Amino acid sequence: MLVRGDTVFVRFLAQNDDGNSFEVQTPTRPEERIRIGNGLTIGYKLPVNQKLLFSVAETLAQENHLQPENKADRFQNNCISMFSITIDHGKTIQDEVNEEWVTRFFELFDAHGISMNIVEPGMVDIYSDLCVEDGEDVYLSDGMYMRPNGTIYER
């Protein structure tokens, strides 16, 4: 997942049992319980403006010369599938979805003047408390990591 603050913006859905092929799409529902360690759970909500989220997803896919696709999950919740990726053995989603892509995603989203989902200052403080080496992502638990800017993502 690509999250900022308490909001999930992108999901990486495994497409096979090997766990090396993923569909990158907008979320269809809030993530109610994600375990982050020591029995702690966190929930993530959807962006308030789904229409904007879909527009950003489509734009970003097209900027990367990909064809976004309108889809629905098994509960008929709409989403935008931006692209699929296959991870080479020994690599992670983080290796394939680079920081420039993440930065561009939020540039497009924030360009519309809706910055209600900014990382709270406390998240950066938490990163500072947890990091061993400045600038390195911090492993939280169960494949969840935190970036220096306070965003949390799944590898």
C-alpha atoms as a PDB file:
ATOM      1  CA  MET A   1       0.000   0.000   0.000  1.00  0.00           C
ATOM      2  CA  LEU A   2       0.993   3.592  -0.566  1.00  0.00           C
ATOM      3  CA  VAL A   3      -0.270   5.643   2.363  1.00  0.00           C
ATOM      4  CA  ARG A   4       0.103   9.171   3.616  1.00  0.00           C
ATOM      5  CA  GLY A   5      -1.085  10.037   7.076  1.00  0.00           C
ATOM      6  CA  ASP A   6      -4.140   7.898   7.710  1.00  0.00           C
ATOM      7  CA  THR A   7      -5.157   7.583   4.052  1.00  0.00           C
ATOM      8  CA  VAL A   8      -4.417   4.803   1.551  1.00  0.00           C
ATOM      9  CA  PHE A   9      -3.919   5.974  -2.043  1.00  0.00           C
ATOM     10  CA  VAL A  10      -2.614   2.918  -3.927  1.00  0.00           C
ATOM     11  CA  ARG A  11      -2.749  -0.836  -3.380  1.00  0.00           C
ATOM     12  CA  PHE A  12      -0.387  -3.489  -4.703  1.00  0.00           C
ATOM     13  CA  LEU A  13      -2.447  -6.657  -5.195  1.00  0.00           C
ATOM     14  CA  ALA A  14      -0.661  -9.971  -5.641  1.00  0.00           C
ATOM     15  CA  GLN A  15      -1.710 -11.627  -8.897  1.00  0.00           C
ATOM     16  CA  ASN A  16      -0.126 -15.024  -8.364  1.00  0.00           C
ATOM     17  CA  ASP A  17       0.846 -17.460  -5.617  1.00  0.00           C
ATOM     18  CA  ASP A  18       4.551 -16.760  -6.117  1.00  0.00           C
ATOM     19  CA  GLY A  19       4.042 -13.222  -4.832  1.00  0.00           C
ATOM     20  CA  ASN A  20       6.129 -11.728  -7.621  1.00  0.00           C
ATOM     21  CA  SER A  21       3.396 -10.236  -9.813  1.00  0.00           C
ATOM     22  CA  PHE A  22       1.291  -7.296  -8.646  1.00  0.00           C
ATOM     23  CA  GLU A  23      -1.518  -5.127  -9.964  1.00  0.00           C
ATOM     24  CA  VAL A  24      -1.091  -1.473  -8.986  1.00  0.00           C
ATOM     25  CA  GLN A  25      -4.507   0.120  -8.462  1.00  0.00           C
ATOM     26  CA  THR A  26      -6.485   2.655  -6.494  1.00  0.00           C
ATOM     27  CA  PRO A  27      -7.992   1.247  -3.291  1.00  0.00           C
ATOM     28  CA  THR A  28     -11.625   0.181  -3.326  1.00  0.00           C
ATOM     29  CA  ARG A  29     -12.312   0.168   0.407  1.00  0.00           C
ATOM     30  CA  PRO A  30     -10.707   1.464   3.596  1.00  0.00           C
ATOM     31  CA  GLU A  31      -8.092  -0.790   5.180  1.00  0.00           C
ATOM     32  CA  GLU A  32      -9.596  -1.354   8.598  1.00  0.00           C
ATOM     33  CA  ARG A  33      -6.927  -3.343  10.398  1.00  0.00           C
ATOM     34  CA  ILE A  34      -3.271  -3.590   9.474  1.00  0.00           C
ATOM     35  CA  ARG A  35      -0.977  -5.101  12.106  1.00  0.00           C
ATOM     36  CA  ILE A  36       2.185  -3.020  12.520  1.00  0.00           C
ATOM     37  CA  GLY A  37       3.815  -4.851  15.422  1.00  0.00           C
ATOM     38  CA  ASN A  38       3.479  -5.542  19.140  1.00  0.00           C
ATOM     39  CA  GLY A  39      -0.232  -6.168  18.657  1.00  0.00           C
ATOM     40  CA  LEU A  40      -0.826  -2.618  17.409  1.00  0.00           C
ATOM     41  CA  THR A  41      -3.190  -2.146  14.494  1.00  0.00           C
ATOM     42  CA  ILE A  42      -3.806   0.843  12.316  1.00  0.00           C
ATOM     43  CA  GLY A  43      -6.637   1.655   9.947  1.00  0.00           C
ATOM     44  CA  TYR A  44      -6.472   3.630   6.727  1.00  0.00           C
ATOM     45  CA  LYS A  45      -9.306   5.556   5.135  1.00  0.00           C
ATOM     46  CA  LEU A  46      -9.922   6.325   1.467  1.00  0.00           C
ATOM     47  CA  PRO A  47      -9.230   9.781   0.041  1.00  0.00           C
ATOM     48  CA  VAL A  48     -12.323  11.953   0.340  1.00  0.00           C
ATOM     49  CA  ASN A  49     -12.264  12.861  -3.354  1.00  0.00           C
ATOM     50  CA  GLN A  50     -12.381   9.527  -5.214  1.00  0.00           C
ATOM     51  CA  LYS A  51     -12.911  11.290  -8.541  1.00  0.00           C
ATOM     52  CA  LEU A  52      -9.623  13.160  -8.060  1.00  0.00           C
ATOM     53  CA  LEU A  53      -7.860   9.944  -7.022  1.00  0.00           C
ATOM     54  CA  PHE A  54      -9.056   8.202 -10.193  1.00  0.00           C
ATOM     55  CA  SER A  55      -7.983  11.161 -12.332  1.00  0.00           C
ATOM     56  CA  VAL A  56      -4.499  11.178 -10.781  1.00  0.00           C
ATOM     57  CA  ALA A  57      -4.146   7.412 -11.272  1.00  0.00           C
ATOM     58  CA  GLU A  58      -5.153   7.685 -14.935  1.00  0.00           C
ATOM     59  CA  THR A  59      -2.848  10.659 -15.543  1.00  0.00           C
ATOM     60  CA  LEU A  60       0.144   8.994 -13.901  1.00  0.00           C
ATOM     61  CA  ALA A  61      -0.345   5.794 -15.886  1.00  0.00           C
ATOM     62  CA  GLN A  62      -0.638   7.748 -19.140  1.00  0.00           C
ATOM     63  CA  GLU A  63       2.455   9.832 -18.323  1.00  0.00           C
ATOM     64  CA  ASN A  64       4.339   6.538 -18.090  1.00  0.00           C
ATOM     65  CA  HIS A  65       2.932   5.403 -21.471  1.00  0.00           C
ATOM     66  CA  LEU A  66       0.644   2.849 -19.843  1.00  0.00           C
ATOM     67  CA  GLN A  67      -3.054   2.258 -20.400  1.00  0.00           C
ATOM     68  CA  PRO A  68      -5.100   2.608 -17.186  1.00  0.00           C
ATOM     69  CA  GLU A  69      -8.171   0.415 -16.890  1.00  0.00           C
ATOM     70  CA  ASN A  70     -11.478   0.990 -15.081  1.00  0.00           C
ATOM     71  CA  LYS A  71     -12.252  -2.056 -12.938  1.00  0.00           C
ATOM     72  CA  ALA A  72     -14.462  -3.192 -10.082  1.00  0.00           C
ATOM     73  CA  ASP A  73     -13.590  -5.499  -7.205  1.00  0.00           C
ATOM     74  CA  ARG A  74     -15.686  -8.510  -6.227  1.00  0.00           C
ATOM     75  CA  PHE A  75     -18.005  -6.189  -4.255  1.00  0.00           C
ATOM     76  CA  GLN A  76     -18.491  -3.955  -7.333  1.00  0.00           C
ATOM     77  CA  ASN A  77     -16.422  -1.091  -5.875  1.00  0.00           C
ATOM     78  CA  ASN A  78     -14.785   0.860  -8.707  1.00  0.00           C
ATOM     79  CA  CYS A  79     -11.048   1.372  -9.048  1.00  0.00           C
ATOM     80  CA  ILE A  80      -8.407   2.310 -11.597  1.00  0.00           C
ATOM     81  CA  SER A  81      -5.794  -0.298 -12.452  1.00  0.00           C
ATOM     82  CA  MET A  82      -2.690   1.684 -13.382  1.00  0.00           C
ATOM     83  CA  PHE A  83      -0.364  -1.142 -14.371  1.00  0.00           C
ATOM     84  CA  SER A  84       0.983  -4.557 -13.420  1.00  0.00           C
ATOM     85  CA  ILE A  85       4.529  -5.270 -12.348  1.00  0.00           C
ATOM     86  CA  THR A  86       6.560  -8.422 -11.988  1.00  0.00           C
ATOM     87  CA  ILE A  87       9.293  -8.424  -9.389  1.00  0.00           C
ATOM     88  CA  ASP A  88      12.526 -10.239 -10.196  1.00  0.00           C
ATOM     89  CA  HIS A  89      13.745 -12.788  -7.645  1.00  0.00           C
ATOM     90  CA  GLY A  90      15.497 -11.016  -4.783  1.00  0.00           C
ATOM     91  CA  LYS A  91      13.836  -7.657  -5.451  1.00  0.00           C
ATOM     92  CA  THR A  92      10.900  -5.913  -3.768  1.00  0.00           C
ATOM     93  CA  ILE A  93       8.021  -3.689  -4.831  1.00  0.00           C
ATOM     94  CA  GLN A  94      10.100  -0.783  -3.524  1.00  0.00           C
ATOM     95  CA  ASP A  95      12.771  -1.633  -6.121  1.00  0.00           C
ATOM     96  CA  GLU A  96      10.202  -1.419  -8.920  1.00  0.00           C
ATOM     97  CA  VAL A  97       8.058   1.516  -7.747  1.00  0.00           C
ATOM     98  CA  ASN A  98      10.639   4.223  -7.314  1.00  0.00           C
ATOM     99  CA  GLU A  99      10.548   7.397  -5.254  1.00  0.00           C
ATOM    100  CA  GLU A 100      10.057   9.567  -8.369  1.00  0.00           C
ATOM    101  CA  TRP A 101       6.804   7.740  -9.119  1.00  0.00           C
ATOM    102  CA  VAL A 102       5.560   8.244  -5.547  1.00  0.00           C
ATOM    103  CA  THR A 103       6.577  11.913  -5.585  1.00  0.00           C
ATOM    104  CA  ARG A 104       4.833  12.482  -8.918  1.00  0.00           C
ATOM    105  CA  PHE A 105       1.675  10.770  -7.662  1.00  0.00           C
ATOM    106  CA  PHE A 106       1.388  13.197  -4.746  1.00  0.00           C
ATOM    107  CA  GLU A 107       2.390  16.195  -6.889  1.00  0.00           C
ATOM    108  CA  LEU A 108      -0.579  15.457  -9.144  1.00  0.00           C
ATOM    109  CA  PHE A 109      -2.912  14.865  -6.215  1.00  0.00           C
ATOM    110  CA  ASP A 110      -1.826  17.960  -4.286  1.00  0.00           C
ATOM    111  CA  ALA A 111      -1.889  20.203  -7.379  1.00  0.00           C
ATOM    112  CA  HIS A 112      -5.658  20.365  -6.982  1.00  0.00           C
ATOM    113  CA  GLY A 113      -5.333  22.279  -3.716  1.00  0.00           C
ATOM    114  CA  ILE A 114      -6.653  19.429  -1.619  1.00  0.00           C
ATOM    115  CA  SER A 115      -4.014  18.706   0.967  1.00  0.00           C
ATOM    116  CA  MET A 116      -6.230  17.288   3.700  1.00  0.00           C
ATOM    117  CA  ASN A 117      -4.158  14.110   3.747  1.00  0.00           C
ATOM    118  CA  ILE A 118      -0.768  15.574   4.598  1.00  0.00           C
ATOM    119  CA  VAL A 119       1.461  13.497   6.836  1.00  0.00           C
ATOM    120  CA  GLU A 120       1.041  14.725  10.360  1.00  0.00           C
ATOM    121  CA  PRO A 121       4.197  16.157  11.977  1.00  0.00           C
ATOM    122  CA  GLY A 122       4.024  13.344  14.525  1.00  0.00           C
ATOM    123  CA  MET A 123       4.761  10.754  11.818  1.00  0.00           C
ATOM    124  CA  VAL A 124       8.081  12.414  10.986  1.00  0.00           C
ATOM    125  CA  ASP A 125       8.871  12.489  14.714  1.00  0.00           C
ATOM    126  CA  ILE A 126       8.087   8.783  14.941  1.00  0.00           C
ATOM    127  CA  TYR A 127      10.446   8.158  12.014  1.00  0.00           C
ATOM    128  CA  SER A 128      13.182  10.136  13.804  1.00  0.00           C
ATOM    129  CA  ASP A 129      12.698   8.032  16.928  1.00  0.00           C
ATOM    130  CA  LEU A 130      12.852   4.744  15.008  1.00  0.00           C
ATOM    131  CA  CYS A 131      15.536   5.329  12.390  1.00  0.00           C
ATOM    132  CA  VAL A 132      19.014   3.924  12.829  1.00  0.00           C
ATOM    133  CA  GLU A 133      20.501   5.750   9.859  1.00  0.00           C
ATOM    134  CA  ASP A 134      18.929   8.989   8.590  1.00  0.00           C
ATOM    135  CA  GLY A 135      17.452   8.706   5.120  1.00  0.00           C
ATOM    136  CA  GLU A 136      16.925   4.946   5.295  1.00  0.00           C
ATOM    137  CA  ASP A 137      13.426   3.465   5.378  1.00  0.00           C
ATOM    138  CA  VAL A 138      12.488   1.941   8.747  1.00  0.00           C
ATOM    139  CA  TYR A 139      11.058  -1.579   8.991  1.00  0.00           C
ATOM    140  CA  LEU A 140       7.974  -1.599  11.237  1.00  0.00           C
ATOM    141  CA  SER A 141       6.543  -5.128  11.069  1.00  0.00           C
ATOM    142  CA  ASP A 142       4.912  -7.629   8.711  1.00  0.00           C
ATOM    143  CA  GLY A 143       6.408  -6.043   5.597  1.00  0.00           C
ATOM    144  CA  MET A 144       5.435  -2.481   6.537  1.00  0.00           C
ATOM    145  CA  TYR A 145       8.077   0.265   6.242  1.00  0.00           C
ATOM    146  CA  MET A 146       8.192   3.988   6.993  1.00  0.00           C
ATOM    147  CA  ARG A 147       9.930   6.554   4.784  1.00  0.00           C
ATOM    148  CA  PRO A 148      11.793   9.586   6.203  1.00  0.00           C
ATOM    149  CA  ASN A 149       8.797  11.778   5.274  1.00  0.00           C
ATOM    150  CA  GLY A 150       6.508   9.699   7.523  1.00  0.00           C
ATOM    151  CA  THR A 151       4.621   7.782   4.844  1.00  0.00           C
ATOM    152  CA  ILE A 152       4.101   4.079   5.438  1.00  0.00           C
ATOM    153  CA  TYR A 153       4.149   1.468   2.689  1.00  0.00           C
ATOM    154  CA  GLU A 154       4.159  -2.296   2.274  1.00  0.00           C
ATOM    155  CA  ARG A 155       6.973  -4.274   0.648  1.00  0.00           C
END
